[in-house]
Protein backbone atom coordinates (compact mmCIF):
# COMPACT_ATOMS: atom_id res chain seq x y z
CA UNK A 1 200.74 55.05 75.62
CA UNK A 2 201.99 58.59 75.44
CA UNK A 3 201.60 60.88 78.43
CA UNK A 4 198.85 63.48 78.61
CA UNK A 5 200.08 67.11 78.36
CA UNK A 6 197.92 68.40 81.21
CA UNK A 7 198.87 71.98 81.98
CA UNK A 8 201.93 71.91 79.69
CA UNK A 9 202.36 75.06 77.61
CA UNK A 10 205.89 74.43 76.32
CA UNK A 11 206.12 72.84 72.88
CA UNK A 12 209.68 71.59 73.46
CA UNK A 13 208.56 69.63 76.53
CA UNK A 14 205.78 67.97 74.57
CA UNK A 15 208.00 67.21 71.57
CA UNK A 16 210.80 65.67 73.62
CA UNK A 17 208.84 64.18 76.50
CA UNK A 18 206.67 61.51 74.84
CA UNK A 19 203.45 63.51 75.23
CA UNK A 20 200.33 63.39 73.06
CA UNK A 21 200.26 66.27 70.57
CA UNK A 22 197.53 67.28 68.13
CA UNK A 23 199.43 68.74 65.19
CA UNK A 24 198.66 72.44 64.70
CA UNK A 25 201.77 73.22 62.66
CA UNK A 26 199.96 73.26 59.30
CA UNK A 27 197.80 76.09 60.63
CA UNK A 28 200.91 77.86 61.95
CA UNK A 29 202.53 77.65 58.52
CA UNK A 30 199.39 78.99 56.83
CA UNK A 31 199.36 81.97 59.19
CA UNK A 32 203.00 82.82 58.62
CA UNK A 33 202.75 82.55 54.84
CA UNK A 34 199.55 84.60 54.52
CA UNK A 35 200.06 87.58 56.80
CA UNK A 36 202.10 89.47 59.37
CA UNK A 37 199.81 90.86 62.09
CA UNK A 38 197.24 88.64 63.80
CA UNK A 39 194.85 88.71 66.73
CA UNK A 40 193.04 85.70 68.24
CA UNK A 41 190.48 85.51 71.04
CA UNK A 42 189.76 82.16 72.71
CA UNK A 43 188.57 81.14 76.21
CA UNK A 44 191.02 80.26 78.97
CA UNK A 45 192.77 76.87 78.91
CA UNK A 46 192.14 76.44 75.20
CA UNK A 47 195.75 76.00 74.10
CA UNK A 48 196.62 79.58 73.14
CA UNK A 49 199.87 79.64 75.12
CA UNK A 50 201.04 76.34 73.62
CA UNK A 51 200.34 77.61 70.12
CA UNK A 52 202.40 80.76 70.74
CA UNK A 53 205.24 78.68 72.11
CA UNK A 54 205.07 76.52 68.97
CA UNK A 55 205.36 79.65 66.82
CA UNK A 56 208.41 80.72 68.81
CA UNK A 57 210.18 77.41 68.17
CA UNK A 58 209.34 77.61 64.47
CA UNK A 59 210.84 81.09 64.10
CA UNK A 60 213.88 80.06 66.12
CA UNK A 61 214.53 77.28 63.60
CA UNK A 62 214.29 74.34 66.00
CA UNK A 63 213.81 71.76 63.28
CA UNK A 64 214.54 68.78 65.54
CA UNK A 65 211.37 69.40 67.54
CA UNK A 66 209.08 69.12 64.49
CA UNK A 67 210.05 65.73 63.13
CA UNK A 68 206.95 63.95 61.81
CA UNK A 69 204.78 67.06 61.93
CA UNK A 70 203.15 68.83 58.99
CA UNK A 71 205.56 71.75 58.91
CA UNK A 72 208.78 69.72 59.07
CA UNK A 73 209.41 69.50 55.31
CA UNK A 74 207.64 72.77 54.44
CA UNK A 75 209.74 75.32 56.35
CA UNK A 76 213.15 76.85 55.70
CA UNK A 77 214.76 76.06 59.05
CA UNK A 78 217.89 78.07 58.22
CA UNK A 79 215.84 81.26 58.16
CA UNK A 80 215.47 82.32 61.80
CA UNK A 81 214.14 85.43 63.52
CA UNK A 82 214.62 86.99 66.96
CA UNK A 83 211.47 86.44 69.03
CA UNK A 84 210.22 88.82 71.72
CA UNK A 85 207.62 87.02 73.79
CA UNK A 86 205.36 88.82 76.25
CA UNK A 87 202.93 87.03 78.56
CA UNK A 88 200.80 88.48 81.33
CA UNK A 89 199.47 85.07 82.33
CA UNK A 90 201.39 84.82 85.60
CA UNK A 91 200.28 86.72 88.68
CA UNK A 92 197.47 89.17 89.33
CA UNK A 93 197.67 92.93 88.87
CA UNK A 94 194.94 94.49 90.95
CA UNK A 95 194.26 96.87 93.81
CA UNK A 96 195.85 100.19 94.70
CA UNK A 97 199.27 99.18 93.34
CA UNK A 98 198.01 97.64 90.11
CA UNK A 99 199.83 100.04 87.78
CA UNK A 100 203.17 99.69 89.61
CA UNK A 101 202.76 95.92 89.58
CA UNK A 102 202.10 95.98 85.83
CA UNK A 103 205.19 98.13 85.20
CA UNK A 104 207.37 95.78 87.26
CA UNK A 105 205.99 92.77 85.38
CA UNK A 106 206.63 94.37 81.99
CA UNK A 107 210.21 95.34 82.90
CA UNK A 108 210.83 91.80 84.18
CA UNK A 109 209.48 90.32 80.93
CA UNK A 110 211.68 92.60 78.84
CA UNK A 111 214.76 91.77 80.90
CA UNK A 112 214.10 88.07 80.33
CA UNK A 113 213.89 88.67 76.58
CA UNK A 114 217.12 90.69 76.67
CA UNK A 115 218.94 87.86 78.41
CA UNK A 116 217.64 85.23 75.98
CA UNK A 117 218.56 87.38 72.95
CA UNK A 118 221.92 88.41 74.46
CA UNK A 119 221.01 92.08 74.28
CA UNK A 120 220.90 94.94 76.76
CA UNK A 121 218.77 98.08 76.77
CA UNK A 122 220.06 101.35 78.11
CA UNK A 123 216.69 102.30 79.61
CA UNK A 124 215.54 99.53 81.94
CA UNK A 125 213.12 101.55 84.06
CA UNK A 126 210.53 102.75 81.52
CA UNK A 127 208.66 99.81 79.93
CA UNK A 128 207.72 101.62 76.72
CA UNK A 129 211.23 102.93 76.05
CA UNK A 130 212.81 99.60 76.94
CA UNK A 131 210.43 97.75 74.60
CA UNK A 132 211.30 100.14 71.77
CA UNK A 133 215.04 99.74 72.38
CA UNK A 134 214.76 95.96 72.50
CA UNK A 135 212.98 95.74 69.14
CA UNK A 136 215.53 97.96 67.44
CA UNK A 137 218.51 96.21 69.05
CA UNK A 138 217.16 92.78 68.05
CA UNK A 139 216.65 94.00 64.48
CA UNK A 140 220.17 95.44 64.29
CA UNK A 141 221.74 92.20 65.53
CA UNK A 142 219.54 89.48 64.00
CA UNK A 143 217.15 90.95 61.43
CA UNK A 144 213.40 91.42 61.41
CA UNK A 145 211.65 90.70 64.71
CA UNK A 146 208.78 88.42 65.72
CA UNK A 147 206.55 89.63 68.58
CA UNK A 148 204.25 87.18 70.40
CA UNK A 149 201.87 88.52 73.06
CA UNK A 150 199.97 86.07 75.28
CA UNK A 151 197.17 87.00 77.72
CA UNK A 152 197.37 90.58 76.43
CA UNK A 153 194.17 91.50 78.31
CA UNK A 154 194.67 89.82 81.69
CA UNK A 155 195.72 92.97 83.59
CA UNK A 156 192.43 94.56 82.51
CA UNK A 157 190.28 91.50 83.25
CA UNK A 158 191.89 91.23 86.71
CA UNK A 159 190.20 94.57 87.44
CA UNK A 160 187.06 94.30 85.33
CA UNK A 161 184.71 95.09 88.24
CA UNK A 162 186.74 98.19 89.21
CA UNK A 163 186.30 100.48 86.22
CA UNK A 164 188.76 103.14 87.36
CA UNK A 165 191.57 100.61 87.80
CA UNK A 166 190.60 98.71 84.65
CA UNK A 167 190.65 101.97 82.69
CA UNK A 168 194.08 102.81 84.08
CA UNK A 169 195.41 99.36 83.13
CA UNK A 170 193.94 99.68 79.64
CA UNK A 171 195.63 103.02 79.10
CA UNK A 172 198.95 101.73 80.39
CA UNK A 173 198.81 98.71 78.10
CA UNK A 174 197.81 100.93 75.18
CA UNK A 175 200.97 102.93 75.79
CA UNK A 176 203.07 99.73 75.68
CA UNK A 177 201.30 98.22 72.65
CA UNK A 178 201.73 101.46 70.70
CA UNK A 179 205.38 100.48 70.39
CA UNK A 180 204.37 97.70 67.99
CA UNK A 181 202.60 100.16 65.71
CA UNK A 182 205.59 102.50 65.67
CA UNK A 183 208.10 99.69 64.98
CA UNK A 184 206.60 98.26 61.80
CA UNK A 185 209.83 98.66 59.80
CA UNK A 186 211.61 96.28 62.19
CA UNK A 187 208.87 93.63 62.43
CA UNK A 188 208.29 90.43 60.47
CA UNK A 189 205.38 88.84 62.35
CA UNK A 190 203.05 89.66 65.28
CA UNK A 191 200.59 87.36 67.01
CA UNK A 192 198.47 88.68 69.90
CA UNK A 193 196.12 86.47 71.86
CA UNK A 194 193.87 86.66 74.88
CA UNK A 195 190.41 85.87 76.16
CA UNK A 196 188.55 89.08 75.41
CA UNK A 197 188.32 91.42 72.43
CA UNK A 198 188.85 94.94 73.67
CA UNK A 199 188.25 97.70 71.18
CA UNK A 200 191.17 98.20 68.81
CA UNK A 201 190.49 101.93 68.96
CA UNK A 202 191.02 102.03 72.71
CA UNK A 203 193.81 99.47 73.06
CA UNK A 204 195.58 99.01 69.72
CA UNK A 205 195.09 102.50 68.38
CA UNK A 206 196.81 102.85 65.02
CA UNK A 207 197.49 99.13 64.63
CA UNK A 208 194.86 98.97 61.91
CA UNK A 209 196.57 96.15 60.07
CA UNK A 210 195.85 93.69 62.89
CA UNK A 211 193.96 90.77 61.32
CA UNK A 212 191.38 89.37 63.74
CA UNK A 213 191.10 85.63 62.99
CA UNK A 214 188.76 84.82 65.90
CA UNK A 215 185.89 83.98 63.52
CA UNK A 216 187.89 83.10 60.42
CA UNK A 217 186.74 79.58 59.35
CA UNK A 218 190.26 78.81 58.09
CA UNK A 219 191.54 79.03 61.66
CA UNK A 220 188.52 77.67 63.53
CA UNK A 221 190.52 74.74 64.91
CA UNK A 222 193.71 76.68 65.70
CA UNK A 223 193.04 75.86 69.38
CA UNK A 224 191.04 72.97 70.83
CA UNK A 225 190.46 69.39 69.68
CA UNK A 226 188.06 68.33 66.94
CA UNK A 227 185.96 65.17 67.16
CA UNK A 228 188.22 63.72 64.47
CA UNK A 229 191.21 64.33 66.75
CA UNK A 230 189.48 62.30 69.46
CA UNK A 231 188.73 59.45 67.06
CA UNK A 232 192.34 59.33 65.82
CA UNK A 233 194.98 60.84 68.11
CA UNK A 234 193.10 59.86 71.29
CA UNK A 235 191.50 56.65 70.00
CA UNK A 236 193.38 54.31 72.32
CA UNK A 237 192.42 56.38 75.36
CA UNK A 238 188.69 56.43 74.58
CA UNK A 239 187.90 52.87 73.51
CA UNK A 240 185.26 52.28 76.20
CA UNK A 241 183.70 55.74 75.99
CA UNK A 242 180.28 56.61 74.60
CA UNK A 243 181.49 59.17 72.06
CA UNK A 244 178.08 60.78 71.65
CA UNK A 245 177.85 61.38 75.38
CA UNK A 246 181.39 62.76 75.35
CA UNK A 247 180.38 65.14 72.58
CA UNK A 248 177.27 66.19 74.50
CA UNK A 249 179.33 66.98 77.59
CA UNK A 250 182.36 68.77 76.15
CA UNK A 251 182.04 69.57 72.44
CA UNK A 252 180.18 72.47 70.85
CA UNK A 253 182.52 75.45 70.61
CA UNK A 254 181.87 76.84 67.15
CA UNK A 255 184.05 79.39 65.37
CA UNK A 256 182.43 78.94 61.94
CA UNK A 257 184.48 75.83 61.08
CA UNK A 258 184.61 72.38 62.70
CA UNK A 259 183.32 72.43 66.27
CA UNK A 260 185.97 71.92 68.93
CA UNK A 261 186.36 70.59 72.45
CA UNK A 262 188.14 72.50 75.18
CA UNK A 263 191.36 70.41 75.38
CA UNK A 264 191.55 70.76 79.16
CA UNK A 265 188.24 68.90 79.54
CA UNK A 266 189.37 66.00 77.36
CA UNK A 267 192.77 65.62 79.03
CA UNK A 268 191.24 65.64 82.52
CA UNK A 269 188.45 63.28 81.46
CA UNK A 270 190.99 60.74 80.18
CA UNK A 271 193.25 61.23 83.18
CA UNK A 272 190.38 60.43 85.58
CA UNK A 273 189.73 57.12 83.88
CA UNK A 274 187.61 58.11 80.87
CA UNK A 275 184.39 57.15 82.60
CA UNK A 276 183.72 60.08 84.91
CA UNK A 277 181.92 63.04 83.36
CA UNK A 278 182.53 66.14 85.44
CA UNK A 279 182.78 69.92 85.12
CA UNK A 280 186.55 69.96 84.70
CA UNK A 281 187.04 73.26 82.87
CA UNK A 282 184.45 75.16 84.88
CA UNK A 283 185.96 74.14 88.21
CA UNK A 284 189.36 75.64 87.33
CA UNK A 285 188.07 79.19 86.83
CA UNK A 286 186.52 81.89 88.93
CA UNK A 287 183.39 83.25 87.21
CA UNK A 288 182.70 85.72 90.02
CA UNK A 289 183.00 88.56 87.48
CA UNK A 290 179.80 87.25 85.89
CA UNK A 291 177.86 87.71 89.11
CA UNK A 292 179.16 91.25 89.45
CA UNK A 293 178.10 92.11 85.92
CA UNK A 294 174.72 90.39 86.29
CA UNK A 295 174.01 92.51 89.35
CA UNK A 296 174.36 95.69 87.30
CA UNK A 297 171.17 94.91 85.39
CA UNK A 298 168.02 92.82 85.85
CA UNK A 299 168.48 90.06 83.30
CA UNK A 300 165.89 87.66 81.96
CA UNK A 301 168.17 84.61 82.08
CA UNK A 302 166.55 82.65 79.19
CA UNK A 303 167.38 85.60 76.92
CA UNK A 304 171.08 85.23 77.71
CA UNK A 305 171.21 81.61 76.63
CA UNK A 306 169.26 82.14 73.40
CA UNK A 307 170.49 85.52 72.27
CA UNK A 308 170.77 86.96 68.77
CA UNK A 309 173.82 89.20 68.65
CA UNK A 310 175.04 91.50 65.93
CA UNK A 311 178.56 91.24 64.58
CA UNK A 312 179.32 94.52 66.34
CA UNK A 313 178.25 93.05 69.69
CA UNK A 314 180.66 90.14 69.38
CA UNK A 315 183.46 92.13 67.84
CA UNK A 316 184.64 94.11 70.86
CA UNK A 317 183.82 95.97 74.03
CA UNK A 318 185.64 98.33 76.32
CA UNK A 319 185.97 99.11 80.00
CA UNK A 320 183.46 101.95 79.75
CA UNK A 321 180.90 99.74 78.02
CA UNK A 322 181.12 96.07 78.96
CA UNK A 323 178.51 94.06 77.12
CA UNK A 324 177.67 90.98 79.19
CA UNK A 325 176.67 88.93 76.15
CA UNK A 326 179.94 89.69 74.36
CA UNK A 327 181.92 88.80 77.47
CA UNK A 328 180.01 85.52 77.97
CA UNK A 329 180.79 84.59 74.37
CA UNK A 330 184.43 85.58 74.47
CA UNK A 331 185.05 83.76 77.76
CA UNK A 332 183.45 80.52 76.55
CA UNK A 333 180.15 80.46 78.42
CA UNK A 334 178.26 81.00 75.18
CA UNK A 335 179.12 79.96 71.65
CA UNK A 336 177.74 80.56 68.18
CA UNK A 337 174.93 78.26 67.16
CA UNK A 338 174.21 79.78 63.78
CA UNK A 339 175.41 82.65 61.60
CA UNK A 340 172.66 84.50 59.79
CA UNK A 341 172.94 86.98 56.96
CA UNK A 342 170.59 89.97 56.95
CA UNK A 343 170.17 93.10 54.85
CA UNK A 344 172.21 94.92 57.48
CA UNK A 345 175.07 92.42 57.75
CA UNK A 346 175.54 89.24 59.76
CA UNK A 347 174.12 88.36 63.14
CA UNK A 348 174.69 85.33 65.34
CA UNK A 349 172.38 83.09 67.34
CA UNK A 350 174.21 82.23 70.55
CA UNK A 351 173.78 79.19 72.75
CA UNK A 352 175.46 77.32 75.59
CA UNK A 353 178.13 75.05 74.04
CA UNK A 354 177.63 71.83 75.99
CA UNK A 355 176.27 70.10 79.07
CA UNK A 356 179.22 71.03 81.26
CA UNK A 357 178.58 74.74 80.74
CA UNK A 358 174.80 74.31 80.76
CA UNK A 359 174.73 72.78 84.23
CA UNK A 360 177.47 74.93 85.74
CA UNK A 361 176.38 78.25 84.30
CA UNK A 362 172.86 77.79 85.54
CA UNK A 363 174.04 76.94 89.04
CA UNK A 364 175.82 80.29 88.90
CA UNK A 365 172.59 81.94 87.76
CA UNK A 366 170.74 80.26 90.64
CA UNK A 367 173.21 81.82 93.07
CA UNK A 368 172.67 85.22 91.49
CA UNK A 369 168.87 84.96 91.38
CA UNK A 370 168.11 83.28 94.71
CA UNK A 371 171.19 83.70 96.94
CA UNK A 372 170.87 79.95 97.54
CA UNK A 373 174.10 77.99 97.93
CA UNK A 374 173.95 74.78 99.94
CA UNK A 375 170.25 74.18 99.21
CA UNK A 376 170.71 73.99 95.43
CA UNK A 377 171.50 70.26 95.20
CA UNK A 378 168.52 69.40 97.40
CA UNK A 379 166.10 71.26 95.14
CA UNK A 380 167.72 69.93 91.97
CA UNK A 381 167.23 66.35 93.15
CA UNK A 382 163.58 66.94 94.02
CA UNK A 383 162.80 68.54 90.68
CA UNK A 384 164.71 65.85 88.80
CA UNK A 385 162.88 62.96 90.46
CA UNK A 386 159.41 64.47 90.02
CA UNK A 387 159.99 65.30 86.35
CA UNK A 388 161.32 61.82 85.59
CA UNK A 389 158.34 60.19 87.32
CA UNK A 390 155.68 62.52 85.90
CA UNK A 391 154.75 63.44 89.47
CA UNK A 392 153.06 66.82 89.01
CA UNK A 393 151.90 67.14 92.62
CA UNK A 394 155.44 66.50 93.76
CA UNK A 395 156.73 68.99 91.20
CA UNK A 396 154.43 71.70 92.58
CA UNK A 397 155.59 70.98 96.12
CA UNK A 398 159.26 71.05 95.07
CA UNK A 399 158.87 74.43 93.35
CA UNK A 400 157.05 75.83 96.39
CA UNK A 401 159.86 74.69 98.69
CA UNK A 402 162.39 76.22 96.35
CA UNK A 403 160.78 79.66 96.33
CA UNK A 404 160.07 79.50 100.07
CA UNK A 405 163.81 79.28 100.69
CA UNK A 406 164.70 82.49 98.80
CA UNK A 407 165.58 85.22 101.35
CA UNK A 408 162.88 87.93 101.56
CA UNK A 409 165.41 90.75 101.14
CA UNK A 410 166.34 89.33 97.74
CA UNK A 411 162.91 90.61 96.68
CA UNK A 412 162.49 93.75 98.76
CA UNK A 413 165.88 95.16 97.81
CA UNK A 414 165.25 94.68 94.10
CA UNK A 415 161.42 94.68 93.76
CA UNK A 416 161.74 91.42 91.86
CA UNK A 417 158.37 90.15 93.07
CA UNK A 418 156.68 92.31 90.41
CA UNK A 419 158.85 91.02 87.59
CA UNK A 420 157.47 88.03 85.68
CA UNK A 421 160.87 87.46 84.10
CA UNK A 422 162.37 86.83 87.53
CA UNK A 423 160.16 83.80 88.22
CA UNK A 424 160.74 82.49 84.69
CA UNK A 425 164.50 82.99 85.14
CA UNK A 426 164.62 81.03 88.41
CA UNK A 427 162.60 78.21 86.83
CA UNK A 428 164.80 78.24 83.76
CA UNK A 429 168.05 78.21 85.71
CA UNK A 430 166.98 75.30 87.91
CA UNK A 431 165.54 73.22 85.07
CA UNK A 432 168.55 73.89 82.83
CA UNK A 433 170.92 72.85 85.60
CA UNK A 434 169.39 69.35 85.58
CA UNK A 435 170.96 68.53 82.23
CA UNK A 436 167.72 67.91 80.32
CA UNK A 437 167.07 69.57 76.97
CA UNK A 438 165.37 72.87 77.68
CA UNK A 439 164.06 75.41 75.18
CA UNK A 440 163.22 78.96 76.22
CA UNK A 441 160.82 81.04 74.14
CA UNK A 442 159.95 77.92 72.12
CA UNK A 443 158.36 79.09 68.87
CA UNK A 444 155.04 77.67 67.61
CA UNK A 445 152.72 78.79 64.81
CA UNK A 446 150.68 80.82 67.33
CA UNK A 447 153.28 82.31 69.65
CA UNK A 448 156.08 81.28 72.00
CA UNK A 449 156.03 78.78 74.83
CA UNK A 450 157.83 80.13 77.91
CA UNK A 451 159.73 76.89 78.58
CA UNK A 452 159.74 73.47 76.96
CA UNK A 453 161.50 70.64 78.80
CA UNK A 454 162.29 67.39 76.96
CA UNK A 455 162.88 64.02 78.61
CA UNK A 456 163.20 60.61 76.95
CA UNK A 457 159.48 59.84 77.14
CA UNK A 458 157.92 63.06 78.42
CA UNK A 459 157.65 66.68 77.40
CA UNK A 460 156.71 69.50 79.74
CA UNK A 461 155.33 72.81 78.47
CA UNK A 462 155.46 75.64 81.01
CA UNK A 463 153.66 78.99 80.90
CA UNK A 464 154.65 81.31 83.76
CA UNK A 465 152.94 84.47 84.98
CA UNK A 466 153.27 86.91 87.90
CA UNK A 467 149.84 87.91 89.26
CA UNK A 468 148.12 89.76 92.10
CA UNK A 469 145.45 87.05 92.31
CA UNK A 470 144.86 83.71 90.62
CA UNK A 471 143.49 84.02 87.09
CA UNK A 472 143.90 80.63 85.45
CA UNK A 473 145.25 82.38 82.36
CA UNK A 474 148.58 80.53 82.31
CA UNK A 475 147.10 77.12 81.47
CA UNK A 476 144.33 78.77 79.51
CA UNK A 477 146.92 80.35 77.21
CA UNK A 478 148.55 76.97 76.50
CA UNK A 479 145.18 75.47 75.59
CA UNK A 480 143.88 78.46 73.61
CA UNK A 481 147.03 78.62 71.50
CA UNK A 482 147.35 74.83 71.31
CA UNK A 483 151.04 74.84 72.18
CA UNK A 484 150.82 71.11 72.91
CA UNK A 485 150.14 70.26 69.24
CA UNK A 486 153.80 70.82 68.39
CA UNK A 487 154.80 67.85 70.55
CA UNK A 488 151.84 65.47 70.48
CA UNK A 489 152.87 62.05 69.27
CA UNK A 490 154.84 59.23 70.85
CA UNK A 491 155.63 61.11 74.08
CA UNK A 492 153.40 62.17 76.95
CA UNK A 493 152.93 65.94 76.95
CA UNK A 494 152.25 67.83 80.18
CA UNK A 495 150.95 71.40 79.89
CA UNK A 496 151.77 73.25 83.11
CA UNK A 497 150.47 76.74 83.96
CA UNK A 498 152.15 78.37 86.96
CA UNK A 499 151.00 81.69 88.43
CA UNK A 500 153.27 83.31 91.03
CA UNK A 501 151.69 85.68 93.52
CA UNK A 502 153.56 89.00 93.75
CA UNK A 503 152.67 89.42 97.41
CA UNK A 504 153.40 85.85 98.54
CA UNK A 505 156.41 85.50 96.22
CA UNK A 506 155.47 81.90 95.57
CA UNK A 507 153.04 79.76 93.61
CA UNK A 508 149.46 81.03 93.77
CA UNK A 509 148.02 78.65 91.19
CA UNK A 510 149.54 75.49 89.70
CA UNK A 511 147.43 73.84 86.99
CA UNK A 512 148.31 71.12 84.56
CA UNK A 513 146.83 68.91 81.89
CA UNK A 514 148.12 65.76 80.22
CA UNK A 515 147.92 65.18 76.46
């Protein structure tokens, strides 16, 4: 069997090294034939760098690498272009010397391009001037130029929690990227990719012909693997695998075309023996920026995972206004569930893409909400066992232990004890981290259920309130509005009313009824 291209971002290495490759060259050809300036946002480790490297080899006329692929007989391999490739993927640019570090990186990148193109710029100290010279020199010697920019936003994201530094990095990059706008006469093709979608006004000012294909259905599978890819290209590696479970764990990223898997998950899953489901993609990143952004505002966590966003929300943000929902979507922690058309344009219902993100993201939320770290697994196991067994007394005791372990200053510093959404958020995060199907704000014909939890043979309906003294209104509301009718049938339905005391910061009344 062919080798797995884990971590490989060089198309030549894949093409000549007997590695598995999912053919993206038909999409590359479509891009080249239909436009000149493109922008693409995708999460980390989604194959963006490999796609850019593939474009570079196409424009350099390396026909021998594309034998057997879709583009091989469709491209004029004698027509080549000089390629300037810029990537900020390596290294971190942060702290007091961030700008100097960025300038040194840019000069180093340009020198590498000069060497590869056998050119030399007169000005090798100013990044903007050197970039301009390089484009013009490449045009004079070879003809129209191709510019490929990878990880265009990383220097900003490295400093996302330090607005002054992030703003400085944005302005410096804007100065460099302005060269592309001013060099149009020398350019044949531009492709810019990264994780986030910073405002074109503030980063690509004047480059108004940049075609954003992030949510273009024609290019939905430009990065990532489809389920069809798994059933064909990876068939021999997945013969013993429950494909529906694989889909549940890793599929679900939706860009208005076929849903895709993060390729890193699939490659690691196969490499580990194709029988060990784990949080492969999540464990390679550092989502600490999410905690920092969460701390800037009191969030009702269920709202984040079932959020209706406008097109403007998803389209872009900037350093001075970082929208958490937009960033969660762009970085892959949320995906589109459904596109809806309204009288005022389109909006998008967002959701968590798969079980890997569901479990991992909610562990992160638990850390943010409770400051618990080592205790999390203990509480998860207790909740899991009680829910599976239908042990409501045990469930009450588990929830009480959970809230008893939350440090008191987590409440006193933030006055969270008065906020009903806080208790609902903690419950949601813990229940969602168990991997069961969980619905927040579950709609019925009378109103919305706070939380609905679905198991194979049981359904739990939760109504949660924050009170000064016990009222019994939580369970009473479930009964009065007959929430249970939606799920009565073959499964046992448990209606659970939980009232949290604001003073005790724990359960004051736990009532339940079986239907």
